[in-house]
Amino acid sequence: MFQLDDNFLQSVGLGTMPADQKDAFLEHLYEELELRVGTRLSEGMSDDLLAEFEKLIDANDEAGALKWLETNRPDYKQVVAEELEKLKQEVTANKDKILS
């Protein structure tokens, strides 16, 4: 679906970031994206539904979590794409600050 990798950094103008900082920055971006997507996907969901999903995640049941998303949030791919695009725009707009 998407990858936060060196190609992503190139696309947002951070290709010159020192190699020793790239992995940590990509990890930070992944965590931020995960938080944003999770927040949006959980909006309007009952506590019971959220608990079901949390059990799957805690059990590292990726297949079960994916099936759960397809059933309960069929728009999840669109949400991920939208949040990734927002994050990409924010990083691009702040690339000079990030590199300094």
PDB file of N, CA and C in Angstrom:
ATOM      1  N   MET A   1       0.831  -1.188   0.000  1.00  0.00           N
ATOM      2  CA  MET A   1       0.000   0.000   0.000  1.00  0.00           C
ATOM      3  C   MET A   1       0.878   1.256   0.000  1.00  0.00           C
ATOM      4  N   PHE A   2       1.728   1.413   0.988  1.00  0.00           N
ATOM      5  CA  PHE A   2       2.653   2.535   1.035  1.00  0.00           C
ATOM      6  C   PHE A   2       3.891   2.097   1.792  1.00  0.00           C
ATOM      7  N   GLN A   3       4.950   2.833   1.591  1.00  0.00           N
ATOM      8  CA  GLN A   3       6.174   2.532   2.329  1.00  0.00           C
ATOM      9  C   GLN A   3       6.808   3.834   2.772  1.00  0.00           C
ATOM     10  N   LEU A   4       7.155   3.874   4.031  1.00  0.00           N
ATOM     11  CA  LEU A   4       7.936   4.988   4.537  1.00  0.00           C
ATOM     12  C   LEU A   4       9.390   4.535   4.483  1.00  0.00           C
ATOM     13  N   ASP A   5      10.074   4.989   3.435  1.00  0.00           N
ATOM     14  CA  ASP A   5      11.442   4.557   3.204  1.00  0.00           C
ATOM     15  C   ASP A   5      12.237   5.687   2.570  1.00  0.00           C
ATOM     16  N   ASP A   6      13.425   5.362   2.071  1.00  0.00           N
ATOM     17  CA  ASP A   6      14.274   6.381   1.477  1.00  0.00           C
ATOM     18  C   ASP A   6      13.594   7.070   0.298  1.00  0.00           C
ATOM     19  N   ASN A   7      12.817   6.330  -0.471  1.00  0.00           N
ATOM     20  CA  ASN A   7      12.085   6.943  -1.594  1.00  0.00           C
ATOM     21  C   ASN A   7      11.093   7.981  -1.089  1.00  0.00           C
ATOM     22  N   PHE A   8      10.435   7.683   0.027  1.00  0.00           N
ATOM     23  CA  PHE A   8       9.507   8.655   0.625  1.00  0.00           C
ATOM     24  C   PHE A   8      10.282   9.913   1.017  1.00  0.00           C
ATOM     25  N   LEU A   9      11.434   9.732   1.673  1.00  0.00           N
ATOM     26  CA  LEU A   9      12.229  10.888   2.079  1.00  0.00           C
ATOM     27  C   LEU A   9      12.650  11.711   0.863  1.00  0.00           C
ATOM     28  N   GLN A  10      13.024  11.052  -0.210  1.00  0.00           N
ATOM     29  CA  GLN A  10      13.372  11.761  -1.447  1.00  0.00           C
ATOM     30  C   GLN A  10      12.180  12.582  -1.939  1.00  0.00           C
ATOM     31  N   SER A  11      10.994  11.987  -1.892  1.00  0.00           N
ATOM     32  CA  SER A  11       9.808  12.651  -2.441  1.00  0.00           C
ATOM     33  C   SER A  11       9.387  13.880  -1.649  1.00  0.00           C
ATOM     34  N   VAL A  12       9.788  13.959  -0.385  1.00  0.00           N
ATOM     35  CA  VAL A  12       9.425  15.120   0.442  1.00  0.00           C
ATOM     36  C   VAL A  12      10.599  16.088   0.606  1.00  0.00           C
ATOM     37  N   GLY A  13      11.672  15.848  -0.130  1.00  0.00           N
ATOM     38  CA  GLY A  13      12.803  16.757  -0.106  1.00  0.00           C
ATOM     39  C   GLY A  13      13.790  16.510   1.018  1.00  0.00           C
ATOM     40  N   LEU A  14      13.755  15.306   1.604  1.00  0.00           N
ATOM     41  CA  LEU A  14      14.663  14.994   2.699  1.00  0.00           C
ATOM     42  C   LEU A  14      15.700  13.939   2.318  1.00  0.00           C
ATOM     43  N   GLY A  15      15.956  13.818   1.041  1.00  0.00           N
ATOM     44  CA  GLY A  15      16.916  12.825   0.576  1.00  0.00           C
ATOM     45  C   GLY A  15      18.328  13.082   1.066  1.00  0.00           C
ATOM     46  N   THR A  16      18.619  14.327   1.427  1.00  0.00           N
ATOM     47  CA  THR A  16      19.966  14.660   1.902  1.00  0.00           C
ATOM     48  C   THR A  16      20.111  14.522   3.410  1.00  0.00           C
ATOM     49  N   MET A  17      19.067  14.063   4.065  1.00  0.00           N
ATOM     50  CA  MET A  17      19.136  13.865   5.515  1.00  0.00           C
ATOM     51  C   MET A  17      20.279  12.903   5.820  1.00  0.00           C
ATOM     52  N   PRO A  18      21.074  13.204   6.849  1.00  0.00           N
ATOM     53  CA  PRO A  18      22.161  12.293   7.207  1.00  0.00           C
ATOM     54  C   PRO A  18      21.641  10.878   7.462  1.00  0.00           C
ATOM     55  N   ALA A  19      22.387   9.903   6.979  1.00  0.00           N
ATOM     56  CA  ALA A  19      21.969   8.501   7.061  1.00  0.00           C
ATOM     57  C   ALA A  19      21.661   8.070   8.482  1.00  0.00           C
ATOM     58  N   ASP A  20      22.418   8.578   9.444  1.00  0.00           N
ATOM     59  CA  ASP A  20      22.202   8.163  10.828  1.00  0.00           C
ATOM     60  C   ASP A  20      20.910   8.715  11.424  1.00  0.00           C
ATOM     61  N   GLN A  21      20.270   9.656  10.741  1.00  0.00           N
ATOM     62  CA  GLN A  21      19.014  10.230  11.225  1.00  0.00           C
ATOM     63  C   GLN A  21      17.785   9.679  10.498  1.00  0.00           C
ATOM     64  N   LYS A  22      18.009   9.077   9.343  1.00  0.00           N
ATOM     65  CA  LYS A  22      16.889   8.635   8.511  1.00  0.00           C
ATOM     66  C   LYS A  22      16.001   7.595   9.199  1.00  0.00           C
ATOM     67  N   ASP A  23      16.593   6.566   9.754  1.00  0.00           N
ATOM     68  CA  ASP A  23      15.787   5.503  10.371  1.00  0.00           C
ATOM     69  C   ASP A  23      14.935   6.029  11.516  1.00  0.00           C
ATOM     70  N   ALA A  24      15.535   6.855  12.368  1.00  0.00           N
ATOM     71  CA  ALA A  24      14.796   7.411  13.505  1.00  0.00           C
ATOM     72  C   ALA A  24      13.659   8.311  13.013  1.00  0.00           C
ATOM     73  N   PHE A  25      13.911   9.098  11.973  1.00  0.00           N
ATOM     74  CA  PHE A  25      12.882   9.977  11.448  1.00  0.00           C
ATOM     75  C   PHE A  25      11.754   9.175  10.804  1.00  0.00           C
ATOM     76  N   LEU A  26      12.111   8.148  10.058  1.00  0.00           N
ATOM     77  CA  LEU A  26      11.084   7.301   9.444  1.00  0.00           C
ATOM     78  C   LEU A  26      10.247   6.599  10.510  1.00  0.00           C
ATOM     79  N   GLU A  27      10.872   6.164  11.578  1.00  0.00           N
ATOM     80  CA  GLU A  27      10.140   5.529  12.673  1.00  0.00           C
ATOM     81  C   GLU A  27       9.171   6.531  13.309  1.00  0.00           C
ATOM     82  N   HIS A  28       9.644   7.759  13.492  1.00  0.00           N
ATOM     83  CA  HIS A  28       8.786   8.809  14.035  1.00  0.00           C
ATOM     84  C   HIS A  28       7.588   9.057  13.112  1.00  0.00           C
ATOM     85  N   LEU A  29       7.827   9.133  11.818  1.00  0.00           N
ATOM     86  CA  LEU A  29       6.737   9.348  10.858  1.00  0.00           C
ATOM     87  C   LEU A  29       5.735   8.200  10.900  1.00  0.00           C
ATOM     88  N   TYR A  30       6.230   6.972  10.990  1.00  0.00           N
ATOM     89  CA  TYR A  30       5.348   5.813  11.043  1.00  0.00           C
ATOM     90  C   TYR A  30       4.460   5.875  12.283  1.00  0.00           C
ATOM     91  N   GLU A  31       5.059   6.196  13.423  1.00  0.00           N
ATOM     92  CA  GLU A  31       4.285   6.292  14.664  1.00  0.00           C
ATOM     93  C   GLU A  31       3.239   7.397  14.584  1.00  0.00           C
ATOM     94  N   GLU A  32       3.619   8.522  13.989  1.00  0.00           N
ATOM     95  CA  GLU A  32       2.683   9.638  13.839  1.00  0.00           C
ATOM     96  C   GLU A  32       1.535   9.247  12.905  1.00  0.00           C
ATOM     97  N   LEU A  33       1.856   8.590  11.809  1.00  0.00           N
ATOM     98  CA  LEU A  33       0.827   8.150  10.870  1.00  0.00           C
ATOM     99  C   LEU A  33      -0.110   7.145  11.537  1.00  0.00           C
ATOM    100  N   GLU A  34       0.465   6.214  12.273  1.00  0.00           N
ATOM    101  CA  GLU A  34      -0.330   5.209  12.981  1.00  0.00           C
ATOM    102  C   GLU A  34      -1.292   5.874  13.975  1.00  0.00           C
ATOM    103  N   LEU A  35      -0.812   6.873  14.694  1.00  0.00           N
ATOM    104  CA  LEU A  35      -1.642   7.602  15.652  1.00  0.00           C
ATOM    105  C   LEU A  35      -2.783   8.328  14.947  1.00  0.00           C
ATOM    106  N   ARG A  36      -2.469   9.018  13.877  1.00  0.00           N
ATOM    107  CA  ARG A  36      -3.485   9.781  13.149  1.00  0.00           C
ATOM    108  C   ARG A  36      -4.543   8.868  12.529  1.00  0.00           C
ATOM    109  N   VAL A  37      -4.095   7.792  11.922  1.00  0.00           N
ATOM    110  CA  VAL A  37      -5.031   6.851  11.302  1.00  0.00           C
ATOM    111  C   VAL A  37      -5.901   6.208  12.378  1.00  0.00           C
ATOM    112  N   GLY A  38      -5.283   5.777  13.457  1.00  0.00           N
ATOM    113  CA  GLY A  38      -6.026   5.164  14.550  1.00  0.00           C
ATOM    114  C   GLY A  38      -7.074   6.094  15.128  1.00  0.00           C
ATOM    115  N   THR A  39      -6.709   7.345  15.290  1.00  0.00           N
ATOM    116  CA  THR A  39      -7.653   8.339  15.820  1.00  0.00           C
ATOM    117  C   THR A  39      -8.843   8.492  14.891  1.00  0.00           C
ATOM    118  N   ARG A  40      -8.574   8.620  13.603  1.00  0.00           N
ATOM    119  CA  ARG A  40      -9.680   8.783  12.649  1.00  0.00           C
ATOM    120  C   ARG A  40     -10.544   7.535  12.565  1.00  0.00           C
ATOM    121  N   LEU A  41      -9.923   6.371  12.537  1.00  0.00           N
ATOM    122  CA  LEU A  41     -10.698   5.142  12.404  1.00  0.00           C
ATOM    123  C   LEU A  41     -11.544   4.869  13.640  1.00  0.00           C
ATOM    124  N   SER A  42     -11.103   5.329  14.781  1.00  0.00           N
ATOM    125  CA  SER A  42     -11.846   5.055  16.016  1.00  0.00           C
ATOM    126  C   SER A  42     -12.997   6.027  16.249  1.00  0.00           C
ATOM    127  N   GLU A  43     -13.036   7.104  15.508  1.00  0.00           N
ATOM    128  CA  GLU A  43     -14.104   8.093  15.682  1.00  0.00           C
ATOM    129  C   GLU A  43     -15.466   7.444  15.467  1.00  0.00           C
ATOM    130  N   GLY A  44     -16.331   7.599  16.456  1.00  0.00           N
ATOM    131  CA  GLY A  44     -17.694   7.096  16.345  1.00  0.00           C
ATOM    132  C   GLY A  44     -17.858   5.612  16.620  1.00  0.00           C
ATOM    133  N   MET A  45     -16.786   4.934  16.974  1.00  0.00           N
ATOM    134  CA  MET A  45     -16.887   3.500  17.252  1.00  0.00           C
ATOM    135  C   MET A  45     -17.215   3.269  18.722  1.00  0.00           C
ATOM    136  N   SER A  46     -17.919   2.196  18.959  1.00  0.00           N
ATOM    137  CA  SER A  46     -18.241   1.840  20.343  1.00  0.00           C
ATOM    138  C   SER A  46     -17.001   1.298  21.041  1.00  0.00           C
ATOM    139  N   ASP A  47     -17.034   1.332  22.362  1.00  0.00           N
ATOM    140  CA  ASP A  47     -15.930   0.782  23.147  1.00  0.00           C
ATOM    141  C   ASP A  47     -15.767  -0.711  22.880  1.00  0.00           C
ATOM    142  N   ASP A  48     -16.882  -1.405  22.671  1.00  0.00           N
ATOM    143  CA  ASP A  48     -16.822  -2.845  22.399  1.00  0.00           C
ATOM    144  C   ASP A  48     -16.080  -3.140  21.096  1.00  0.00           C
ATOM    145  N   LEU A  49     -16.381  -2.356  20.046  1.00  0.00           N
ATOM    146  CA  LEU A  49     -15.693  -2.555  18.769  1.00  0.00           C
ATOM    147  C   LEU A  49     -14.204  -2.256  18.905  1.00  0.00           C
ATOM    148  N   LEU A  50     -13.899  -1.184  19.603  1.00  0.00           N
ATOM    149  CA  LEU A  50     -12.493  -0.835  19.797  1.00  0.00           C
ATOM    150  C   LEU A  50     -11.760  -1.911  20.589  1.00  0.00           C
ATOM    151  N   ALA A  51     -12.432  -2.490  21.572  1.00  0.00           N
ATOM    152  CA  ALA A  51     -11.821  -3.558  22.375  1.00  0.00           C
ATOM    153  C   ALA A  51     -11.556  -4.796  21.515  1.00  0.00           C
ATOM    154  N   GLU A  52     -12.483  -5.106  20.606  1.00  0.00           N
ATOM    155  CA  GLU A  52     -12.283  -6.242  19.690  1.00  0.00           C
ATOM    156  C   GLU A  52     -11.013  -6.043  18.867  1.00  0.00           C
ATOM    157  N   PHE A  53     -10.886  -4.852  18.304  1.00  0.00           N
ATOM    158  CA  PHE A  53      -9.731  -4.560  17.460  1.00  0.00           C
ATOM    159  C   PHE A  53      -8.449  -4.579  18.285  1.00  0.00           C
ATOM    160  N   GLU A  54      -8.498  -4.014  19.468  1.00  0.00           N
ATOM    161  CA  GLU A  54      -7.322  -3.981  20.337  1.00  0.00           C
ATOM    162  C   GLU A  54      -6.845  -5.389  20.686  1.00  0.00           C
ATOM    163  N   LYS A  55      -7.780  -6.317  20.903  1.00  0.00           N
ATOM    164  CA  LYS A  55      -7.405  -7.708  21.186  1.00  0.00           C
ATOM    165  C   LYS A  55      -6.626  -8.311  20.018  1.00  0.00           C
ATOM    166  N   LEU A  56      -7.084  -8.037  18.815  1.00  0.00           N
ATOM    167  CA  LEU A  56      -6.411  -8.560  17.629  1.00  0.00           C
ATOM    168  C   LEU A  56      -4.997  -7.991  17.501  1.00  0.00           C
ATOM    169  N   ILE A  57      -4.881  -6.710  17.754  1.00  0.00           N
ATOM    170  CA  ILE A  57      -3.579  -6.055  17.668  1.00  0.00           C
ATOM    171  C   ILE A  57      -2.648  -6.605  18.748  1.00  0.00           C
ATOM    172  N   ASP A  58      -3.148  -6.706  19.966  1.00  0.00           N
ATOM    173  CA  ASP A  58      -2.331  -7.209  21.075  1.00  0.00           C
ATOM    174  C   ASP A  58      -1.866  -8.646  20.832  1.00  0.00           C
ATOM    175  N   ALA A  59      -2.676  -9.421  20.115  1.00  0.00           N
ATOM    176  CA  ALA A  59      -2.333 -10.808  19.817  1.00  0.00           C
ATOM    177  C   ALA A  59      -1.463 -10.933  18.556  1.00  0.00           C
ATOM    178  N   ASN A  60      -1.101  -9.781  17.967  1.00  0.00           N
ATOM    179  CA  ASN A  60      -0.331  -9.757  16.714  1.00  0.00           C
ATOM    180  C   ASN A  60      -1.024 -10.546  15.608  1.00  0.00           C
ATOM    181  N   ASP A  61      -2.345 -10.512  15.607  1.00  0.00           N
ATOM    182  CA  ASP A  61      -3.144 -11.204  14.597  1.00  0.00           C
ATOM    183  C   ASP A  61      -3.401 -10.254  13.427  1.00  0.00           C
ATOM    184  N   GLU A  62      -2.407 -10.130  12.549  1.00  0.00           N
ATOM    185  CA  GLU A  62      -2.518  -9.195  11.437  1.00  0.00           C
ATOM    186  C   GLU A  62      -3.662  -9.549  10.497  1.00  0.00           C
ATOM    187  N   ALA A  63      -3.831 -10.835  10.216  1.00  0.00           N
ATOM    188  CA  ALA A  63      -4.909 -11.263   9.322  1.00  0.00           C
ATOM    189  C   ALA A  63      -6.269 -10.947   9.943  1.00  0.00           C
ATOM    190  N   GLY A  64      -6.399 -11.214  11.229  1.00  0.00           N
ATOM    191  CA  GLY A  64      -7.649 -10.927  11.925  1.00  0.00           C
ATOM    192  C   GLY A  64      -7.926  -9.437  11.979  1.00  0.00           C
ATOM    193  N   ALA A  65      -6.891  -8.636  12.218  1.00  0.00           N
ATOM    194  CA  ALA A  65      -7.051  -7.182  12.272  1.00  0.00           C
ATOM    195  C   ALA A  65      -7.458  -6.639  10.906  1.00  0.00           C
ATOM    196  N   LEU A  66      -6.861  -7.171   9.859  1.00  0.00           N
ATOM    197  CA  LEU A  66      -7.207  -6.732   8.508  1.00  0.00           C
ATOM    198  C   LEU A  66      -8.650  -7.078   8.183  1.00  0.00           C
ATOM    199  N   LYS A  67      -9.068  -8.280   8.524  1.00  0.00           N
ATOM    200  CA  LYS A  67     -10.453  -8.701   8.284  1.00  0.00           C
ATOM    201  C   LYS A  67     -11.405  -7.820   9.091  1.00  0.00           C
ATOM    202  N   TRP A  68     -11.031  -7.508  10.326  1.00  0.00           N
ATOM    203  CA  TRP A  68     -11.849  -6.644  11.180  1.00  0.00           C
ATOM    204  C   TRP A  68     -12.009  -5.274  10.534  1.00  0.00           C
ATOM    205  N   LEU A  69     -10.902  -4.723  10.033  1.00  0.00           N
ATOM    206  CA  LEU A  69     -10.961  -3.416   9.375  1.00  0.00           C
ATOM    207  C   LEU A  69     -11.846  -3.466   8.133  1.00  0.00           C
ATOM    208  N   GLU A  70     -11.693  -4.505   7.343  1.00  0.00           N
ATOM    209  CA  GLU A  70     -12.499  -4.627   6.129  1.00  0.00           C
ATOM    210  C   GLU A  70     -13.988  -4.686   6.451  1.00  0.00           C
ATOM    211  N   THR A  71     -14.324  -5.300   7.579  1.00  0.00           N
ATOM    212  CA  THR A  71     -15.719  -5.425   7.987  1.00  0.00           C
ATOM    213  C   THR A  71     -16.244  -4.143   8.630  1.00  0.00           C
ATOM    214  N   ASN A  72     -15.468  -3.596   9.570  1.00  0.00           N
ATOM    215  CA  ASN A  72     -15.950  -2.491  10.387  1.00  0.00           C
ATOM    216  C   ASN A  72     -15.577  -1.105   9.878  1.00  0.00           C
ATOM    217  N   ARG A  73     -14.514  -1.018   9.106  1.00  0.00           N
ATOM    218  CA  ARG A  73     -14.086   0.260   8.530  1.00  0.00           C
ATOM    219  C   ARG A  73     -13.606   0.027   7.103  1.00  0.00           C
ATOM    220  N   PRO A  74     -14.532  -0.280   6.202  1.00  0.00           N
ATOM    221  CA  PRO A  74     -14.115  -0.580   4.831  1.00  0.00           C
ATOM    222  C   PRO A  74     -13.399   0.588   4.145  1.00  0.00           C
ATOM    223  N   ASP A  75     -13.473   1.775   4.729  1.00  0.00           N
ATOM    224  CA  ASP A  75     -12.800   2.941   4.168  1.00  0.00           C
ATOM    225  C   ASP A  75     -11.383   3.126   4.709  1.00  0.00           C
ATOM    226  N   TYR A  76     -10.868   2.121   5.420  1.00  0.00           N
ATOM    227  CA  TYR A  76      -9.581   2.302   6.098  1.00  0.00           C
ATOM    228  C   TYR A  76      -8.441   2.635   5.140  1.00  0.00           C
ATOM    229  N   LYS A  77      -8.447   2.077   3.943  1.00  0.00           N
ATOM    230  CA  LYS A  77      -7.374   2.361   2.988  1.00  0.00           C
ATOM    231  C   LYS A  77      -7.402   3.828   2.569  1.00  0.00           C
ATOM    232  N   GLN A  78      -8.597   4.341   2.396  1.00  0.00           N
ATOM    233  CA  GLN A  78      -8.747   5.748   2.035  1.00  0.00           C
ATOM    234  C   GLN A  78      -8.270   6.643   3.179  1.00  0.00           C
ATOM    235  N   VAL A  79      -8.606   6.267   4.408  1.00  0.00           N
ATOM    236  CA  VAL A  79      -8.165   7.035   5.576  1.00  0.00           C
ATOM    237  C   VAL A  79      -6.648   7.049   5.657  1.00  0.00           C
ATOM    238  N   VAL A  80      -6.015   5.906   5.449  1.00  0.00           N
ATOM    239  CA  VAL A  80      -4.554   5.833   5.467  1.00  0.00           C
ATOM    240  C   VAL A  80      -3.974   6.739   4.388  1.00  0.00           C
ATOM    241  N   ALA A  81      -4.517   6.663   3.188  1.00  0.00           N
ATOM    242  CA  ALA A  81      -4.016   7.477   2.083  1.00  0.00           C
ATOM    243  C   ALA A  81      -4.163   8.972   2.379  1.00  0.00           C
ATOM    244  N   GLU A  82      -5.300   9.365   2.934  1.00  0.00           N
ATOM    245  CA  GLU A  82      -5.530  10.777   3.255  1.00  0.00           C
ATOM    246  C   GLU A  82      -4.569  11.263   4.341  1.00  0.00           C
ATOM    247  N   GLU A  83      -4.393  10.479   5.375  1.00  0.00           N
ATOM    248  CA  GLU A  83      -3.505  10.885   6.458  1.00  0.00           C
ATOM    249  C   GLU A  83      -2.046  10.891   6.010  1.00  0.00           C
ATOM    250  N   LEU A  84      -1.672   9.950   5.159  1.00  0.00           N
ATOM    251  CA  LEU A  84      -0.315   9.929   4.623  1.00  0.00           C
ATOM    252  C   LEU A  84      -0.067  11.176   3.781  1.00  0.00           C
ATOM    253  N   GLU A  85      -1.036  11.552   2.984  1.00  0.00           N
ATOM    254  CA  GLU A  85      -0.889  12.751   2.147  1.00  0.00           C
ATOM    255  C   GLU A  85      -0.755  14.004   3.012  1.00  0.00           C
ATOM    256  N   LYS A  86      -1.556  14.106   4.073  1.00  0.00           N
ATOM    257  CA  LYS A  86      -1.442  15.251   4.991  1.00  0.00           C
ATOM    258  C   LYS A  86      -0.058  15.295   5.623  1.00  0.00           C
ATOM    259  N   LEU A  87       0.406  14.149   6.077  1.00  0.00           N
ATOM    260  CA  LEU A  87       1.725  14.078   6.709  1.00  0.00           C
ATOM    261  C   LEU A  87       2.817  14.458   5.703  1.00  0.00           C
ATOM    262  N   LYS A  88       2.673  13.973   4.492  1.00  0.00           N
ATOM    263  CA  LYS A  88       3.636  14.271   3.441  1.00  0.00           C
ATOM    264  C   LYS A  88       3.699  15.779   3.176  1.00  0.00           C
ATOM    265  N   GLN A  89       2.539  16.419   3.130  1.00  0.00           N
ATOM    266  CA  GLN A  89       2.494  17.860   2.907  1.00  0.00           C
ATOM    267  C   GLN A  89       3.133  18.628   4.068  1.00  0.00           C
ATOM    268  N   GLU A  90       2.881  18.186   5.285  1.00  0.00           N
ATOM    269  CA  GLU A  90       3.468  18.835   6.455  1.00  0.00           C
ATOM    270  C   GLU A  90       4.988  18.706   6.451  1.00  0.00           C
ATOM    271  N   VAL A  91       5.477  17.514   6.142  1.00  0.00           N
ATOM    272  CA  VAL A  91       6.924  17.295   6.121  1.00  0.00           C
ATOM    273  C   VAL A  91       7.557  18.132   5.007  1.00  0.00           C
ATOM    274  N   THR A  92       6.941  18.148   3.843  1.00  0.00           N
ATOM    275  CA  THR A  92       7.463  18.927   2.719  1.00  0.00           C
ATOM    276  C   THR A  92       7.520  20.407   3.076  1.00  0.00           C
ATOM    277  N   ALA A  93       6.476  20.910   3.709  1.00  0.00           N
ATOM    278  CA  ALA A  93       6.428  22.329   4.070  1.00  0.00           C
ATOM    279  C   ALA A  93       7.475  22.687   5.129  1.00  0.00           C
ATOM    280  N   ASN A  94       7.896  21.712   5.908  1.00  0.00           N
ATOM    281  CA  ASN A  94       8.848  21.966   7.000  1.00  0.00           C
ATOM    282  C   ASN A  94      10.224  21.349   6.762  1.00  0.00           C
ATOM    283  N   LYS A  95      10.511  20.951   5.539  1.00  0.00           N
ATOM    284  CA  LYS A  95      11.752  20.227   5.265  1.00  0.00           C
ATOM    285  C   LYS A  95      13.002  21.022   5.644  1.00  0.00           C
ATOM    286  N   ASP A  96      12.976  22.326   5.447  1.00  0.00           N
ATOM    287  CA  ASP A  96      14.163  23.121   5.784  1.00  0.00           C
ATOM    288  C   ASP A  96      14.422  23.107   7.282  1.00  0.00           C
ATOM    289  N   LYS A  97      13.364  23.215   8.079  1.00  0.00           N
ATOM    290  CA  LYS A  97      13.502  23.145   9.544  1.00  0.00           C
ATOM    291  C   LYS A  97      14.004  21.774   9.958  1.00  0.00           C
ATOM    292  N   ILE A  98      13.459  20.739   9.337  1.00  0.00           N
ATOM    293  CA  ILE A  98      13.830  19.373   9.687  1.00  0.00           C
ATOM    294  C   ILE A  98      15.304  19.117   9.391  1.00  0.00           C
ATOM    295  N   LEU A  99      15.780  19.631   8.273  1.00  0.00           N
ATOM    296  CA  LEU A  99      17.169  19.385   7.892  1.00  0.00           C
ATOM    297  C   LEU A  99      18.160  20.234   8.682  1.00  0.00           C
ATOM    298  N   SER A 100      17.694  21.315   9.294  1.00  0.00           N
ATOM    299  CA  SER A 100      18.637  22.189  10.024  1.00  0.00           C
ATOM    300  C   SER A 100      18.866  21.744  11.450  1.00  0.00           C
TER     301      SER A 100
END
